[in-house]
Amino acid sequence: MDFTELLDLAKQASGATSDSDLSRKLGVSRQSVSNWRNSNKFPDTITCATIAGITGVPLAKVLGIVGEARATDQKEKAVWRKLAATAMALVIGVGLASPAHVQASETGVSAAPFIHYAKLHIPMP
């Protein structure tokens, strides 16, 4: 999963209909999301935690995806990619990625239950 796919997942999981709507749900400016989409800037750690909470993607994986997107050197990108992969291996290894943790929303889109990583609490629809 790359950063754009992560943003699309956050948009879908939060019920946002546009990037502008997603920005409101994340508590950031529309310009921030635009900058992220264009790889000009990337979210801070708190926003990464909020994205993790909305999507159900483990925080370490979100940080790995964002770190890889932010990195300019191939070796650094590889380190971030390894962090993201390790996070997923740990989640699967301890059974947190079981089907019991996935719930269908009213629209039929599968979404993980809300995980509260950050101060900002965004309830799932």
N, C-alpha and C. Protein backbone atom coordinates (compact mmCIF):
# COMPACT_ATOMS: atom_id res chain seq x y z
N MET A 1 0.86 -1.18 0.00
CA MET A 1 0.00 0.00 0.00
C MET A 1 0.90 1.23 0.00
N ASP A 2 0.61 2.16 -0.90
CA ASP A 2 1.37 3.41 -0.90
C ASP A 2 0.55 4.50 -0.22
N PHE A 3 1.13 5.69 -0.11
CA PHE A 3 0.48 6.76 0.64
C PHE A 3 -0.84 7.20 0.02
N THR A 4 -0.91 7.26 -1.30
CA THR A 4 -2.16 7.65 -1.97
C THR A 4 -3.26 6.64 -1.66
N GLU A 5 -2.92 5.36 -1.68
CA GLU A 5 -3.90 4.33 -1.34
C GLU A 5 -4.36 4.45 0.11
N LEU A 6 -3.43 4.82 1.00
CA LEU A 6 -3.78 5.03 2.40
C LEU A 6 -4.76 6.20 2.54
N LEU A 7 -4.51 7.28 1.82
CA LEU A 7 -5.44 8.42 1.85
C LEU A 7 -6.81 8.02 1.32
N ASP A 8 -6.82 7.25 0.24
CA ASP A 8 -8.09 6.79 -0.32
C ASP A 8 -8.83 5.90 0.67
N LEU A 9 -8.10 5.05 1.39
CA LEU A 9 -8.70 4.20 2.40
C LEU A 9 -9.28 5.03 3.54
N ALA A 10 -8.55 6.06 3.97
CA ALA A 10 -9.04 6.95 5.03
C ALA A 10 -10.30 7.67 4.58
N LYS A 11 -10.30 8.10 3.34
CA LYS A 11 -11.47 8.79 2.77
C LYS A 11 -12.68 7.86 2.79
N GLN A 12 -12.47 6.64 2.32
CA GLN A 12 -13.55 5.65 2.27
C GLN A 12 -14.03 5.27 3.67
N ALA A 13 -13.09 4.96 4.56
CA ALA A 13 -13.44 4.49 5.90
C ALA A 13 -14.14 5.57 6.73
N SER A 14 -13.80 6.83 6.46
CA SER A 14 -14.41 7.92 7.23
C SER A 14 -15.75 8.37 6.65
N GLY A 15 -16.06 7.89 5.45
CA GLY A 15 -17.29 8.31 4.79
C GLY A 15 -17.16 9.65 4.10
N ALA A 16 -15.94 10.14 3.95
CA ALA A 16 -15.72 11.42 3.27
C ALA A 16 -16.04 11.26 1.79
N THR A 17 -16.62 12.30 1.22
CA THR A 17 -16.99 12.26 -0.19
C THR A 17 -15.99 13.00 -1.08
N SER A 18 -15.05 13.72 -0.46
CA SER A 18 -14.05 14.47 -1.21
C SER A 18 -12.83 14.67 -0.31
N ASP A 19 -11.75 15.13 -0.91
CA ASP A 19 -10.56 15.43 -0.10
C ASP A 19 -10.85 16.58 0.87
N SER A 20 -11.69 17.50 0.46
CA SER A 20 -12.07 18.60 1.34
C SER A 20 -12.82 18.07 2.57
N ASP A 21 -13.72 17.14 2.33
CA ASP A 21 -14.45 16.50 3.43
C ASP A 21 -13.49 15.71 4.32
N LEU A 22 -12.54 15.00 3.71
CA LEU A 22 -11.54 14.26 4.48
C LEU A 22 -10.73 15.20 5.35
N SER A 23 -10.36 16.36 4.81
CA SER A 23 -9.57 17.32 5.60
C SER A 23 -10.32 17.75 6.85
N ARG A 24 -11.63 17.97 6.73
CA ARG A 24 -12.44 18.34 7.90
C ARG A 24 -12.45 17.20 8.92
N LYS A 25 -12.58 15.97 8.44
CA LYS A 25 -12.63 14.83 9.34
C LYS A 25 -11.30 14.59 10.05
N LEU A 26 -10.20 14.96 9.37
CA LEU A 26 -8.88 14.81 9.98
C LEU A 26 -8.47 16.03 10.80
N GLY A 27 -9.22 17.12 10.68
CA GLY A 27 -8.89 18.33 11.42
C GLY A 27 -7.71 19.09 10.84
N VAL A 28 -7.55 19.01 9.52
CA VAL A 28 -6.46 19.72 8.84
C VAL A 28 -7.06 20.56 7.72
N SER A 29 -6.24 21.40 7.13
CA SER A 29 -6.73 22.25 6.05
C SER A 29 -6.85 21.46 4.74
N ARG A 30 -7.67 21.99 3.83
CA ARG A 30 -7.80 21.37 2.51
C ARG A 30 -6.45 21.37 1.81
N GLN A 31 -5.68 22.44 2.02
CA GLN A 31 -4.36 22.56 1.40
C GLN A 31 -3.42 21.45 1.89
N SER A 32 -3.56 21.06 3.14
CA SER A 32 -2.72 19.98 3.67
C SER A 32 -2.95 18.69 2.88
N VAL A 33 -4.20 18.31 2.72
CA VAL A 33 -4.51 17.09 1.99
C VAL A 33 -4.04 17.21 0.54
N SER A 34 -4.21 18.37 -0.05
CA SER A 34 -3.72 18.60 -1.41
C SER A 34 -2.21 18.43 -1.49
N ASN A 35 -1.50 19.00 -0.52
CA ASN A 35 -0.04 18.85 -0.47
C ASN A 35 0.36 17.39 -0.31
N TRP A 36 -0.38 16.64 0.49
CA TRP A 36 -0.08 15.22 0.67
C TRP A 36 -0.28 14.47 -0.65
N ARG A 37 -1.39 14.76 -1.32
CA ARG A 37 -1.69 14.08 -2.60
C ARG A 37 -0.60 14.36 -3.64
N ASN A 38 -0.05 15.56 -3.61
CA ASN A 38 0.97 15.96 -4.58
C ASN A 38 2.39 15.67 -4.09
N SER A 39 2.52 14.99 -2.96
CA SER A 39 3.82 14.63 -2.36
C SER A 39 4.69 15.84 -2.06
N ASN A 40 4.05 16.98 -1.79
CA ASN A 40 4.79 18.18 -1.39
C ASN A 40 5.10 18.17 0.10
N LYS A 41 4.18 17.63 0.88
CA LYS A 41 4.32 17.52 2.33
C LYS A 41 3.62 16.25 2.75
N PHE A 42 3.79 15.87 4.02
CA PHE A 42 3.16 14.66 4.53
C PHE A 42 2.64 14.92 5.93
N PRO A 43 1.67 14.12 6.39
CA PRO A 43 1.06 14.38 7.70
C PRO A 43 2.04 14.19 8.86
N ASP A 44 1.78 14.94 9.93
CA ASP A 44 2.58 14.78 11.14
C ASP A 44 2.16 13.50 11.87
N THR A 45 2.85 13.22 12.95
CA THR A 45 2.63 11.97 13.69
C THR A 45 1.22 11.88 14.26
N ILE A 46 0.70 12.97 14.79
CA ILE A 46 -0.65 12.96 15.36
C ILE A 46 -1.68 12.67 14.28
N THR A 47 -1.52 13.28 13.12
CA THR A 47 -2.45 13.02 12.01
C THR A 47 -2.30 11.58 11.53
N CYS A 48 -1.08 11.06 11.53
CA CYS A 48 -0.87 9.65 11.18
C CYS A 48 -1.64 8.75 12.14
N ALA A 49 -1.62 9.09 13.42
CA ALA A 49 -2.35 8.31 14.42
C ALA A 49 -3.85 8.38 14.17
N THR A 50 -4.33 9.54 13.76
CA THR A 50 -5.74 9.68 13.45
C THR A 50 -6.11 8.85 12.22
N ILE A 51 -5.25 8.87 11.20
CA ILE A 51 -5.47 8.05 10.01
C ILE A 51 -5.50 6.58 10.38
N ALA A 52 -4.58 6.17 11.25
CA ALA A 52 -4.56 4.78 11.72
C ALA A 52 -5.87 4.43 12.42
N GLY A 53 -6.34 5.33 13.25
CA GLY A 53 -7.59 5.09 13.96
C GLY A 53 -8.79 5.00 13.03
N ILE A 54 -8.82 5.82 12.02
CA ILE A 54 -9.94 5.82 11.07
C ILE A 54 -9.93 4.55 10.23
N THR A 55 -8.75 4.16 9.77
CA THR A 55 -8.65 3.05 8.81
C THR A 55 -8.53 1.68 9.47
N GLY A 56 -8.06 1.65 10.72
CA GLY A 56 -7.79 0.38 11.36
C GLY A 56 -6.43 -0.19 10.98
N VAL A 57 -5.67 0.55 10.17
CA VAL A 57 -4.32 0.14 9.81
C VAL A 57 -3.43 0.42 11.02
N PRO A 58 -2.58 -0.54 11.42
CA PRO A 58 -1.73 -0.31 12.59
C PRO A 58 -0.89 0.96 12.43
N LEU A 59 -0.74 1.67 13.54
CA LEU A 59 0.00 2.94 13.52
C LEU A 59 1.40 2.77 12.96
N ALA A 60 2.10 1.70 13.33
CA ALA A 60 3.45 1.49 12.82
C ALA A 60 3.46 1.35 11.30
N LYS A 61 2.43 0.72 10.75
CA LYS A 61 2.35 0.60 9.29
C LYS A 61 2.09 1.96 8.66
N VAL A 62 1.19 2.74 9.24
CA VAL A 62 0.92 4.09 8.71
C VAL A 62 2.20 4.92 8.75
N LEU A 63 2.92 4.88 9.87
CA LEU A 63 4.17 5.63 9.98
C LEU A 63 5.19 5.14 8.95
N GLY A 64 5.22 3.83 8.71
CA GLY A 64 6.11 3.28 7.70
C GLY A 64 5.77 3.75 6.31
N ILE A 65 4.48 3.78 5.98
CA ILE A 65 4.03 4.23 4.66
C ILE A 65 4.36 5.70 4.46
N VAL A 66 4.08 6.52 5.47
CA VAL A 66 4.36 7.96 5.38
C VAL A 66 5.87 8.20 5.34
N GLY A 67 6.62 7.48 6.17
CA GLY A 67 8.07 7.63 6.17
C GLY A 67 8.68 7.27 4.83
N GLU A 68 8.18 6.20 4.23
CA GLU A 68 8.69 5.80 2.91
C GLU A 68 8.36 6.86 1.86
N ALA A 69 7.16 7.41 1.91
CA ALA A 69 6.78 8.44 0.95
C ALA A 69 7.62 9.70 1.13
N ARG A 70 7.95 10.02 2.37
CA ARG A 70 8.72 11.22 2.69
C ARG A 70 10.21 11.07 2.34
N ALA A 71 10.71 9.84 2.43
CA ALA A 71 12.15 9.58 2.23
C ALA A 71 12.58 9.91 0.80
N THR A 72 13.80 10.40 0.68
CA THR A 72 14.33 10.74 -0.64
C THR A 72 15.38 9.74 -1.11
N ASP A 73 15.94 8.98 -0.20
CA ASP A 73 16.99 8.03 -0.49
C ASP A 73 16.41 6.61 -0.54
N GLN A 74 16.83 5.78 -1.48
CA GLN A 74 16.30 4.43 -1.63
C GLN A 74 16.57 3.57 -0.39
N LYS A 75 17.72 3.75 0.25
CA LYS A 75 18.02 2.98 1.47
C LYS A 75 17.07 3.37 2.59
N GLU A 76 16.79 4.65 2.72
CA GLU A 76 15.86 5.11 3.75
C GLU A 76 14.45 4.60 3.44
N LYS A 77 14.06 4.64 2.18
CA LYS A 77 12.74 4.11 1.80
C LYS A 77 12.62 2.63 2.19
N ALA A 78 13.69 1.88 1.99
CA ALA A 78 13.69 0.45 2.32
C ALA A 78 13.51 0.23 3.82
N VAL A 79 14.10 1.09 4.64
CA VAL A 79 13.94 0.97 6.10
C VAL A 79 12.49 1.20 6.49
N TRP A 80 11.87 2.22 5.93
CA TRP A 80 10.47 2.52 6.25
C TRP A 80 9.56 1.40 5.76
N ARG A 81 9.84 0.88 4.56
CA ARG A 81 9.04 -0.22 4.01
C ARG A 81 9.14 -1.45 4.92
N LYS A 82 10.34 -1.70 5.45
CA LYS A 82 10.54 -2.83 6.37
C LYS A 82 9.75 -2.62 7.66
N LEU A 83 9.72 -1.39 8.17
CA LEU A 83 8.93 -1.10 9.36
C LEU A 83 7.46 -1.41 9.12
N ALA A 84 6.94 -0.96 7.98
CA ALA A 84 5.53 -1.20 7.66
C ALA A 84 5.25 -2.69 7.54
N ALA A 85 6.14 -3.43 6.89
CA ALA A 85 5.96 -4.87 6.73
C ALA A 85 6.04 -5.59 8.08
N THR A 86 6.96 -5.17 8.93
CA THR A 86 7.10 -5.78 10.25
C THR A 86 5.86 -5.53 11.09
N ALA A 87 5.31 -4.35 10.99
CA ALA A 87 4.08 -4.03 11.73
C ALA A 87 2.95 -4.96 11.32
N MET A 88 2.81 -5.20 10.04
CA MET A 88 1.75 -6.09 9.58
C MET A 88 2.01 -7.53 10.02
N ALA A 89 3.26 -7.96 9.98
CA ALA A 89 3.59 -9.32 10.42
C ALA A 89 3.26 -9.50 11.89
N LEU A 90 3.51 -8.49 12.70
CA LEU A 90 3.20 -8.56 14.13
C LEU A 90 1.69 -8.62 14.35
N VAL A 91 0.95 -7.81 13.61
CA VAL A 91 -0.51 -7.79 13.75
C VAL A 91 -1.09 -9.15 13.39
N ILE A 92 -0.63 -9.71 12.28
CA ILE A 92 -1.12 -11.01 11.85
C ILE A 92 -0.68 -12.09 12.83
N GLY A 93 0.55 -11.98 13.33
CA GLY A 93 1.10 -12.97 14.25
C GLY A 93 0.36 -13.06 15.56
N VAL A 94 -0.16 -11.96 16.06
CA VAL A 94 -0.88 -11.99 17.33
C VAL A 94 -2.39 -12.07 17.14
N GLY A 95 -2.80 -12.19 15.88
CA GLY A 95 -4.22 -12.42 15.61
C GLY A 95 -5.09 -11.19 15.62
N LEU A 96 -4.52 -10.01 15.54
CA LEU A 96 -5.35 -8.80 15.54
C LEU A 96 -6.03 -8.57 14.20
N ALA A 97 -5.60 -9.25 13.16
CA ALA A 97 -6.18 -9.05 11.84
C ALA A 97 -7.22 -10.11 11.52
N SER A 98 -7.84 -10.68 12.54
CA SER A 98 -8.84 -11.71 12.31
C SER A 98 -10.13 -11.10 11.78
N PRO A 99 -10.96 -11.90 11.10
CA PRO A 99 -12.22 -11.40 10.55
C PRO A 99 -13.13 -10.80 11.61
N ALA A 100 -13.00 -11.22 12.87
CA ALA A 100 -13.84 -10.67 13.93
C ALA A 100 -13.62 -9.19 14.13
N HIS A 101 -12.46 -8.68 13.69
CA HIS A 101 -12.15 -7.27 13.86
C HIS A 101 -12.60 -6.44 12.67
N VAL A 102 -13.22 -7.06 11.69
CA VAL A 102 -13.67 -6.34 10.50
C VAL A 102 -15.18 -6.31 10.51
N GLN A 103 -15.75 -5.12 10.37
CA GLN A 103 -17.19 -4.97 10.38
C GLN A 103 -17.63 -4.31 9.09
N ALA A 104 -18.77 -4.69 8.59
CA ALA A 104 -19.29 -4.07 7.36
C ALA A 104 -20.09 -2.83 7.75
N SER A 105 -19.87 -1.78 7.02
CA SER A 105 -20.64 -0.55 7.26
C SER A 105 -21.97 -0.66 6.52
N GLU A 106 -22.80 0.32 6.66
CA GLU A 106 -24.10 0.33 5.99
C GLU A 106 -23.95 0.30 4.48
N THR A 107 -22.83 0.81 3.97
CA THR A 107 -22.63 0.85 2.53
C THR A 107 -22.04 -0.45 2.00
N GLY A 108 -21.77 -1.39 2.90
CA GLY A 108 -21.21 -2.66 2.48
C GLY A 108 -19.70 -2.65 2.38
N VAL A 109 -19.06 -1.54 2.73
CA VAL A 109 -17.61 -1.43 2.70
C VAL A 109 -17.06 -1.94 4.01
N SER A 110 -16.12 -2.85 3.94
CA SER A 110 -15.51 -3.37 5.17
C SER A 110 -14.64 -2.31 5.80
N ALA A 111 -14.73 -2.17 7.08
CA ALA A 111 -13.92 -1.19 7.80
C ALA A 111 -13.57 -1.76 9.16
N ALA A 112 -12.37 -1.48 9.62
CA ALA A 112 -11.96 -1.94 10.94
C ALA A 112 -12.63 -1.07 11.99
N PRO A 113 -12.82 -1.60 13.18
CA PRO A 113 -13.40 -0.78 14.25
C PRO A 113 -12.46 0.37 14.60
N PHE A 114 -13.03 1.39 15.19
CA PHE A 114 -12.24 2.57 15.55
C PHE A 114 -11.17 2.21 16.55
N ILE A 115 -9.95 2.62 16.30
CA ILE A 115 -8.84 2.45 17.23
C ILE A 115 -8.40 3.85 17.62
N HIS A 116 -8.45 4.16 18.90
CA HIS A 116 -8.18 5.52 19.35
C HIS A 116 -6.70 5.70 19.64
N TYR A 117 -5.93 6.17 18.64
CA TYR A 117 -4.50 6.41 18.82
C TYR A 117 -4.22 7.86 19.22
N ALA A 118 -5.06 8.76 18.79
CA ALA A 118 -4.78 10.18 18.97
C ALA A 118 -5.85 10.82 19.84
N LYS A 119 -5.64 12.07 20.16
CA LYS A 119 -6.60 12.81 20.97
C LYS A 119 -7.90 13.03 20.22
N LEU A 120 -7.81 13.14 18.91
CA LEU A 120 -8.99 13.40 18.08
C LEU A 120 -9.77 12.11 17.91
N HIS A 121 -11.00 12.08 18.33
CA HIS A 121 -11.85 10.89 18.21
C HIS A 121 -12.83 11.08 17.07
N ILE A 122 -12.70 10.25 16.06
CA ILE A 122 -13.61 10.31 14.91
C ILE A 122 -14.38 9.01 14.89
N PRO A 123 -15.67 9.02 15.25
CA PRO A 123 -16.44 7.79 15.27
C PRO A 123 -16.67 7.27 13.85
N MET A 124 -16.76 5.97 13.73
CA MET A 124 -17.01 5.35 12.44
C MET A 124 -18.50 5.42 12.14
N PRO A 125 -18.87 5.58 10.87
CA PRO A 125 -20.30 5.65 10.51
C PRO A 125 -20.98 4.31 10.70
